[in-house]
Amino acid sequence: MTDITVRRVDFGLFIRPAEETGTGVPRVEPTLGYLIDHPDGRLLVDTGMGSHPEVDRHYQPRRIPLGAALAGVEAKIEDIGYVVNCHLHFDHCGGNPQLAGVPVFTQRSELATARTVVHHTLPDLVDHAGAHYEELDGPAEILPGVLIVPTPGHTAGHQSVVVTTADGTVIVAGQSHDNATAFTGDVLGHRAGVGAPPEWIETLLAFDPRRVVFAHDNAVWTP
């Protein structure tokens, strides 16, 4: 198999306010994307944080711009041939306008929500000049060895990316869970028949992932 690699892209951090953490105290979270180097082109999963005065006041983001973030993994904006947004909240599609004309793979339901539900996202990040969406209705292999799998929960149209590499399967799970610990909890709950883990956990585990990575956690889940 021609090797496919997955590398983390650092887009900065933000501060989740106390009322959103469930702990009563603020929490600092990274914002991470993933660059998939593929023989058919480079694919970027998530593009960083968008900007709006109200958003900036609420989350106090410290952004790493798209170009600088890609330079950190020895890539350039013009290298990107495909984009996948795990969902279309502001902190996952902020760099999309800089990638005008590049195909963006999204679930049809997520795009419809972003266009119609107030406060779901920043509209300028979705329907910007040159936006080119490839709308999906469920799972889809978008490149050989790169499969999109719906993982609803955080949003109804959330999706993850399953990547087959020479070293095993890597799953870019985006914000399917806020962190690797939460993912672990659902995996163990599924195995023990306890709680109510999402049905798609079984789907992801069936790929026998070597590692699962997330949009807001530097930790990596391993079996």
C-alpha atoms as a PDB file:
ATOM      1  CA  MET A   1       0.000   0.000   0.000  1.00  0.00           C
ATOM      2  CA  THR A   2       1.220   3.492  -0.842  1.00  0.00           C
ATOM      3  CA  ASP A   3       1.673   5.187   2.486  1.00  0.00           C
ATOM      4  CA  ILE A   4      -0.852   7.725   3.705  1.00  0.00           C
ATOM      5  CA  THR A   5       0.136   9.867   6.677  1.00  0.00           C
ATOM      6  CA  VAL A   6      -1.863  11.882   9.188  1.00  0.00           C
ATOM      7  CA  ARG A   7      -0.291  14.874  10.948  1.00  0.00           C
ATOM      8  CA  ARG A   8      -1.714  17.196  13.570  1.00  0.00           C
ATOM      9  CA  VAL A   9      -2.133  20.880  12.696  1.00  0.00           C
ATOM     10  CA  ASP A  10      -2.146  23.401  15.572  1.00  0.00           C
ATOM     11  CA  PHE A  11      -4.667  26.210  15.116  1.00  0.00           C
ATOM     12  CA  GLY A  12      -4.244  27.726  18.571  1.00  0.00           C
ATOM     13  CA  LEU A  13      -6.483  27.625  21.644  1.00  0.00           C
ATOM     14  CA  PHE A  14      -9.536  29.147  23.257  1.00  0.00           C
ATOM     15  CA  ILE A  15     -10.991  29.397  26.752  1.00  0.00           C
ATOM     16  CA  ARG A  16     -14.269  27.603  27.290  1.00  0.00           C
ATOM     17  CA  PRO A  17     -16.154  29.622  29.927  1.00  0.00           C
ATOM     18  CA  ALA A  18     -17.195  28.091  33.232  1.00  0.00           C
ATOM     19  CA  GLU A  19     -20.870  27.864  32.279  1.00  0.00           C
ATOM     20  CA  GLU A  20     -19.970  25.510  29.410  1.00  0.00           C
ATOM     21  CA  THR A  21     -17.525  23.158  31.119  1.00  0.00           C
ATOM     22  CA  GLY A  22     -19.779  21.449  33.647  1.00  0.00           C
ATOM     23  CA  THR A  23     -17.091  21.954  36.296  1.00  0.00           C
ATOM     24  CA  GLY A  24     -17.759  25.536  37.356  1.00  0.00           C
ATOM     25  CA  VAL A  25     -14.326  26.710  36.182  1.00  0.00           C
ATOM     26  CA  PRO A  26     -13.052  27.777  32.746  1.00  0.00           C
ATOM     27  CA  ARG A  27     -11.060  25.308  30.650  1.00  0.00           C
ATOM     28  CA  VAL A  28      -8.412  26.008  28.029  1.00  0.00           C
ATOM     29  CA  GLU A  29      -8.785  23.819  24.934  1.00  0.00           C
ATOM     30  CA  PRO A  30      -6.613  23.402  21.848  1.00  0.00           C
ATOM     31  CA  THR A  31      -8.037  23.715  18.372  1.00  0.00           C
ATOM     32  CA  LEU A  32      -6.534  21.029  16.172  1.00  0.00           C
ATOM     33  CA  GLY A  33      -6.824  20.023  12.547  1.00  0.00           C
ATOM     34  CA  TYR A  34      -5.248  17.112  10.710  1.00  0.00           C
ATOM     35  CA  LEU A  35      -3.355  17.049   7.439  1.00  0.00           C
ATOM     36  CA  ILE A  36      -3.725  13.829   5.473  1.00  0.00           C
ATOM     37  CA  ASP A  37      -0.945  13.352   2.952  1.00  0.00           C
ATOM     38  CA  HIS A  38      -2.390  11.116   0.234  1.00  0.00           C
ATOM     39  CA  PRO A  39      -1.014  10.086  -3.171  1.00  0.00           C
ATOM     40  CA  ASP A  40      -4.024  11.810  -4.768  1.00  0.00           C
ATOM     41  CA  GLY A  41      -3.508  15.101  -2.923  1.00  0.00           C
ATOM     42  CA  ARG A  42      -3.399  16.701   0.495  1.00  0.00           C
ATOM     43  CA  LEU A  43      -6.591  16.712   2.528  1.00  0.00           C
ATOM     44  CA  LEU A  44      -7.128  19.011   5.506  1.00  0.00           C
ATOM     45  CA  VAL A  45      -9.561  18.040   8.247  1.00  0.00           C
ATOM     46  CA  ASP A  46     -10.800  21.305   9.798  1.00  0.00           C
ATOM     47  CA  THR A  47      -9.321  24.711   9.055  1.00  0.00           C
ATOM     48  CA  GLY A  48      -9.133  26.660  12.301  1.00  0.00           C
ATOM     49  CA  MET A  49     -11.083  29.361  14.104  1.00  0.00           C
ATOM     50  CA  GLY A  50     -13.136  32.102  12.509  1.00  0.00           C
ATOM     51  CA  SER A  51     -13.378  35.584  13.980  1.00  0.00           C
ATOM     52  CA  HIS A  52     -16.298  37.680  15.217  1.00  0.00           C
ATOM     53  CA  PRO A  53     -16.330  40.269  18.023  1.00  0.00           C
ATOM     54  CA  GLU A  54     -18.916  38.392  20.112  1.00  0.00           C
ATOM     55  CA  VAL A  55     -17.154  35.068  19.602  1.00  0.00           C
ATOM     56  CA  ASP A  56     -13.820  36.620  20.545  1.00  0.00           C
ATOM     57  CA  ARG A  57     -15.241  38.118  23.736  1.00  0.00           C
ATOM     58  CA  HIS A  58     -16.852  34.832  24.719  1.00  0.00           C
ATOM     59  CA  TYR A  59     -14.004  32.408  23.961  1.00  0.00           C
ATOM     60  CA  GLN A  60     -10.872  34.621  23.984  1.00  0.00           C
ATOM     61  CA  PRO A  61      -9.238  32.643  21.162  1.00  0.00           C
ATOM     62  CA  ARG A  62      -5.536  32.773  20.442  1.00  0.00           C
ATOM     63  CA  ARG A  63      -5.444  31.859  16.786  1.00  0.00           C
ATOM     64  CA  ILE A  64      -2.701  30.480  14.625  1.00  0.00           C
ATOM     65  CA  PRO A  65      -3.642  31.577  11.098  1.00  0.00           C
ATOM     66  CA  LEU A  66      -4.152  28.922   8.447  1.00  0.00           C
ATOM     67  CA  GLY A  67      -0.932  29.648   6.573  1.00  0.00           C
ATOM     68  CA  ALA A  68       1.208  29.620   9.708  1.00  0.00           C
ATOM     69  CA  ALA A  69      -0.491  26.480  11.021  1.00  0.00           C
ATOM     70  CA  LEU A  70       0.177  24.644   7.758  1.00  0.00           C
ATOM     71  CA  ALA A  71       3.776  25.856   7.713  1.00  0.00           C
ATOM     72  CA  GLY A  72       4.170  24.019  11.020  1.00  0.00           C
ATOM     73  CA  VAL A  73       3.625  20.745   9.128  1.00  0.00           C
ATOM     74  CA  GLU A  74       5.645  21.829   6.080  1.00  0.00           C
ATOM     75  CA  ALA A  75       2.611  22.612   3.925  1.00  0.00           C
ATOM     76  CA  LYS A  76       1.102  25.671   2.244  1.00  0.00           C
ATOM     77  CA  ILE A  77      -2.449  26.825   1.637  1.00  0.00           C
ATOM     78  CA  GLU A  78      -2.082  26.171  -2.086  1.00  0.00           C
ATOM     79  CA  ASP A  79      -1.085  22.550  -1.355  1.00  0.00           C
ATOM     80  CA  ILE A  80      -4.541  21.669  -0.041  1.00  0.00           C
ATOM     81  CA  GLY A  81      -6.625  19.745  -2.560  1.00  0.00           C
ATOM     82  CA  TYR A  82      -9.532  18.695  -0.348  1.00  0.00           C
ATOM     83  CA  VAL A  83     -11.161  19.792   2.912  1.00  0.00           C
ATOM     84  CA  VAL A  84     -13.306  17.908   5.401  1.00  0.00           C
ATOM     85  CA  ASN A  85     -15.002  19.825   8.205  1.00  0.00           C
ATOM     86  CA  CYS A  86     -16.092  17.495  10.991  1.00  0.00           C
ATOM     87  CA  HIS A  87     -18.863  20.066  11.444  1.00  0.00           C
ATOM     88  CA  LEU A  88     -19.374  23.731  10.632  1.00  0.00           C
ATOM     89  CA  HIS A  89     -19.028  25.515  13.964  1.00  0.00           C
ATOM     90  CA  PHE A  90     -16.783  28.598  13.815  1.00  0.00           C
ATOM     91  CA  ASP A  91     -13.786  26.844  15.358  1.00  0.00           C
ATOM     92  CA  HIS A  92     -13.656  24.129  12.685  1.00  0.00           C
ATOM     93  CA  CYS A  93     -14.242  26.000   9.420  1.00  0.00           C
ATOM     94  CA  GLY A  94     -12.545  29.342  10.096  1.00  0.00           C
ATOM     95  CA  GLY A  95     -10.012  28.946   7.278  1.00  0.00           C
ATOM     96  CA  ASN A  96     -12.492  27.773   4.644  1.00  0.00           C
ATOM     97  CA  PRO A  97     -12.738  31.183   2.919  1.00  0.00           C
ATOM     98  CA  GLN A  98      -8.975  31.023   2.265  1.00  0.00           C
ATOM     99  CA  LEU A  99      -9.514  27.747   0.430  1.00  0.00           C
ATOM    100  CA  ALA A 100     -12.037  28.991  -2.118  1.00  0.00           C
ATOM    101  CA  GLY A 101     -12.576  26.524  -4.933  1.00  0.00           C
ATOM    102  CA  VAL A 102     -11.282  23.553  -2.932  1.00  0.00           C
ATOM    103  CA  PRO A 103     -13.893  20.782  -2.533  1.00  0.00           C
ATOM    104  CA  VAL A 104     -15.266  20.712   1.024  1.00  0.00           C
ATOM    105  CA  PHE A 105     -16.897  17.444   2.072  1.00  0.00           C
ATOM    106  CA  THR A 106     -19.775  17.852   4.505  1.00  0.00           C
ATOM    107  CA  GLN A 107     -22.922  16.039   5.430  1.00  0.00           C
ATOM    108  CA  ARG A 108     -25.901  17.586   3.662  1.00  0.00           C
ATOM    109  CA  SER A 109     -27.738  17.882   6.985  1.00  0.00           C
ATOM    110  CA  GLU A 110     -24.841  19.814   8.565  1.00  0.00           C
ATOM    111  CA  LEU A 111     -24.697  22.307   5.717  1.00  0.00           C
ATOM    112  CA  ALA A 112     -28.465  22.817   5.861  1.00  0.00           C
ATOM    113  CA  THR A 113     -28.254  23.449   9.611  1.00  0.00           C
ATOM    114  CA  ALA A 114     -25.400  25.924   9.184  1.00  0.00           C
ATOM    115  CA  ARG A 115     -27.462  27.850   6.636  1.00  0.00           C
ATOM    116  CA  THR A 116     -30.749  27.925   8.516  1.00  0.00           C
ATOM    117  CA  VAL A 117     -30.198  27.710  12.279  1.00  0.00           C
ATOM    118  CA  VAL A 118     -29.327  31.021  13.921  1.00  0.00           C
ATOM    119  CA  HIS A 119     -26.068  30.999  15.924  1.00  0.00           C
ATOM    120  CA  HIS A 120     -25.013  27.562  14.625  1.00  0.00           C
ATOM    121  CA  THR A 121     -21.988  29.171  13.014  1.00  0.00           C
ATOM    122  CA  LEU A 122     -20.686  32.368  11.417  1.00  0.00           C
ATOM    123  CA  PRO A 123     -22.481  32.604   8.050  1.00  0.00           C
ATOM    124  CA  ASP A 124     -19.525  34.236   6.277  1.00  0.00           C
ATOM    125  CA  LEU A 125     -17.496  31.098   6.891  1.00  0.00           C
ATOM    126  CA  VAL A 126     -20.067  28.924   5.126  1.00  0.00           C
ATOM    127  CA  ASP A 127     -21.313  30.803   2.068  1.00  0.00           C
ATOM    128  CA  HIS A 128     -18.174  32.710   1.195  1.00  0.00           C
ATOM    129  CA  ALA A 129     -16.995  33.538  -2.326  1.00  0.00           C
ATOM    130  CA  GLY A 130     -15.813  30.411  -4.095  1.00  0.00           C
ATOM    131  CA  ALA A 131     -17.321  27.945  -1.620  1.00  0.00           C
ATOM    132  CA  HIS A 132     -17.450  24.482  -3.211  1.00  0.00           C
ATOM    133  CA  TYR A 133     -19.307  21.840  -1.217  1.00  0.00           C
ATOM    134  CA  GLU A 134     -19.507  18.132  -1.864  1.00  0.00           C
ATOM    135  CA  GLU A 135     -22.641  17.215   0.071  1.00  0.00           C
ATOM    136  CA  LEU A 136     -22.837  13.709   1.504  1.00  0.00           C
ATOM    137  CA  ASP A 137     -25.737  11.661   2.781  1.00  0.00           C
ATOM    138  CA  GLY A 138     -23.969   9.173   5.004  1.00  0.00           C
ATOM    139  CA  PRO A 139     -20.675   7.301   4.675  1.00  0.00           C
ATOM    140  CA  ALA A 140     -18.471   7.936   1.641  1.00  0.00           C
ATOM    141  CA  GLU A 141     -14.983   6.952   0.518  1.00  0.00           C
ATOM    142  CA  ILE A 142     -13.714  10.265  -0.796  1.00  0.00           C
ATOM    143  CA  LEU A 143     -10.208   9.016  -1.670  1.00  0.00           C
ATOM    144  CA  PRO A 144      -8.824   5.474  -1.677  1.00  0.00           C
ATOM    145  CA  GLY A 145      -8.297   4.612   1.970  1.00  0.00           C
ATOM    146  CA  VAL A 146     -10.081   7.743   3.253  1.00  0.00           C
ATOM    147  CA  LEU A 147     -13.639   7.124   4.446  1.00  0.00           C
ATOM    148  CA  ILE A 148     -16.050   9.611   5.966  1.00  0.00           C
ATOM    149  CA  VAL A 149     -18.360   8.167   8.630  1.00  0.00           C
ATOM    150  CA  PRO A 150     -21.263  10.093  10.207  1.00  0.00           C
ATOM    151  CA  THR A 151     -20.817  10.433  13.975  1.00  0.00           C
ATOM    152  CA  PRO A 152     -23.781  12.563  15.072  1.00  0.00           C
ATOM    153  CA  GLY A 153     -24.070  13.942  18.560  1.00  0.00           C
ATOM    154  CA  HIS A 154     -22.219  17.211  19.004  1.00  0.00           C
ATOM    155  CA  THR A 155     -24.166  18.268  15.915  1.00  0.00           C
ATOM    156  CA  ALA A 156     -26.620  16.156  13.921  1.00  0.00           C
ATOM    157  CA  GLY A 157     -24.317  16.314  10.906  1.00  0.00           C
ATOM    158  CA  HIS A 158     -21.006  15.673  12.643  1.00  0.00           C
ATOM    159  CA  GLN A 159     -18.665  13.326  10.772  1.00  0.00           C
ATOM    160  CA  SER A 160     -15.335  11.570  11.384  1.00  0.00           C
ATOM    161  CA  VAL A 161     -12.622  10.485   8.958  1.00  0.00           C
ATOM    162  CA  VAL A 162     -11.257   6.944   8.870  1.00  0.00           C
ATOM    163  CA  VAL A 163      -7.803   6.739   7.284  1.00  0.00           C
ATOM    164  CA  THR A 164      -6.107   3.490   6.308  1.00  0.00           C
ATOM    165  CA  THR A 165      -2.334   3.874   6.627  1.00  0.00           C
ATOM    166  CA  ALA A 166       0.511   1.398   6.338  1.00  0.00           C
ATOM    167  CA  ASP A 167       0.805   1.456  10.136  1.00  0.00           C
ATOM    168  CA  GLY A 168      -2.876   0.831  10.801  1.00  0.00           C
ATOM    169  CA  THR A 169      -6.122   2.754  10.846  1.00  0.00           C
ATOM    170  CA  VAL A 170      -6.245   6.308  12.163  1.00  0.00           C
ATOM    171  CA  ILE A 171      -9.614   7.861  12.967  1.00  0.00           C
ATOM    172  CA  VAL A 172      -9.905  11.639  13.039  1.00  0.00           C
ATOM    173  CA  ALA A 173     -12.919  11.878  15.328  1.00  0.00           C
ATOM    174  CA  GLY A 174     -13.139  15.669  15.442  1.00  0.00           C
ATOM    175  CA  GLN A 175     -15.520  16.733  18.193  1.00  0.00           C
ATOM    176  CA  SER A 176     -17.415  13.466  18.361  1.00  0.00           C
ATOM    177  CA  HIS A 177     -16.174  13.727  21.957  1.00  0.00           C
ATOM    178  CA  ASP A 178     -14.624  16.688  23.753  1.00  0.00           C
ATOM    179  CA  ASN A 179     -11.632  14.577  24.719  1.00  0.00           C
ATOM    180  CA  ALA A 180     -10.069  11.126  24.592  1.00  0.00           C
ATOM    181  CA  THR A 181     -11.275  10.314  28.110  1.00  0.00           C
ATOM    182  CA  ALA A 182     -14.897  10.796  27.089  1.00  0.00           C
ATOM    183  CA  PHE A 183     -14.316   8.565  24.064  1.00  0.00           C
ATOM    184  CA  THR A 184     -12.802   5.919  26.339  1.00  0.00           C
ATOM    185  CA  GLY A 185     -15.866   6.078  28.569  1.00  0.00           C
ATOM    186  CA  ASP A 186     -18.185   5.356  25.659  1.00  0.00           C
ATOM    187  CA  VAL A 187     -15.969   2.548  24.360  1.00  0.00           C
ATOM    188  CA  LEU A 188     -15.937   0.857  27.767  1.00  0.00           C
ATOM    189  CA  GLY A 189     -19.655   1.441  28.179  1.00  0.00           C
ATOM    190  CA  HIS A 190     -20.276  -0.212  24.826  1.00  0.00           C
ATOM    191  CA  ARG A 191     -18.155  -3.225  25.769  1.00  0.00           C
ATOM    192  CA  ALA A 192     -19.791  -3.584  29.167  1.00  0.00           C
ATOM    193  CA  GLY A 193     -23.319  -2.853  28.018  1.00  0.00           C
ATOM    194  CA  VAL A 194     -23.538   0.078  30.407  1.00  0.00           C
ATOM    195  CA  GLY A 195     -24.936   3.544  29.751  1.00  0.00           C
ATOM    196  CA  ALA A 196     -25.997   4.800  26.347  1.00  0.00           C
ATOM    197  CA  PRO A 197     -22.946   5.210  24.099  1.00  0.00           C
ATOM    198  CA  PRO A 198     -23.725   6.337  20.542  1.00  0.00           C
ATOM    199  CA  GLU A 199     -24.536   3.531  18.119  1.00  0.00           C
ATOM    200  CA  TRP A 200     -21.691   4.563  15.814  1.00  0.00           C
ATOM    201  CA  ILE A 201     -19.057   3.669  18.438  1.00  0.00           C
ATOM    202  CA  GLU A 202     -19.409   0.059  17.293  1.00  0.00           C
ATOM    203  CA  THR A 203     -18.945   1.195  13.682  1.00  0.00           C
ATOM    204  CA  LEU A 204     -15.691   2.988  14.486  1.00  0.00           C
ATOM    205  CA  LEU A 205     -14.319   0.127  16.582  1.00  0.00           C
ATOM    206  CA  ALA A 206     -15.012  -2.285  13.721  1.00  0.00           C
ATOM    207  CA  PHE A 207     -12.223  -0.533  11.788  1.00  0.00           C
ATOM    208  CA  ASP A 208      -9.791  -1.744  14.480  1.00  0.00           C
ATOM    209  CA  PRO A 209      -8.216   1.713  14.879  1.00  0.00           C
ATOM    210  CA  ARG A 210      -4.623   1.972  15.975  1.00  0.00           C
ATOM    211  CA  ARG A 211      -5.310   5.485  17.230  1.00  0.00           C
ATOM    212  CA  VAL A 212      -8.170   7.963  17.430  1.00  0.00           C
ATOM    213  CA  VAL A 213      -7.468  11.712  17.480  1.00  0.00           C
ATOM    214  CA  PHE A 214      -9.635  14.671  18.375  1.00  0.00           C
ATOM    215  CA  ALA A 215     -10.172  18.347  17.578  1.00  0.00           C
ATOM    216  CA  HIS A 216      -9.961  19.692  21.139  1.00  0.00           C
ATOM    217  CA  ASP A 217      -7.600  17.299  22.912  1.00  0.00           C
ATOM    218  CA  ASN A 218      -3.891  16.673  22.471  1.00  0.00           C
ATOM    219  CA  ALA A 219      -4.387  13.196  23.960  1.00  0.00           C
ATOM    220  CA  VAL A 220      -4.712  10.240  21.590  1.00  0.00           C
ATOM    221  CA  TRP A 221      -6.946   7.223  22.209  1.00  0.00           C
ATOM    222  CA  THR A 222      -5.258   3.881  21.644  1.00  0.00           C
ATOM    223  CA  PRO A 223      -6.830   0.433  22.065  1.00  0.00           C
END
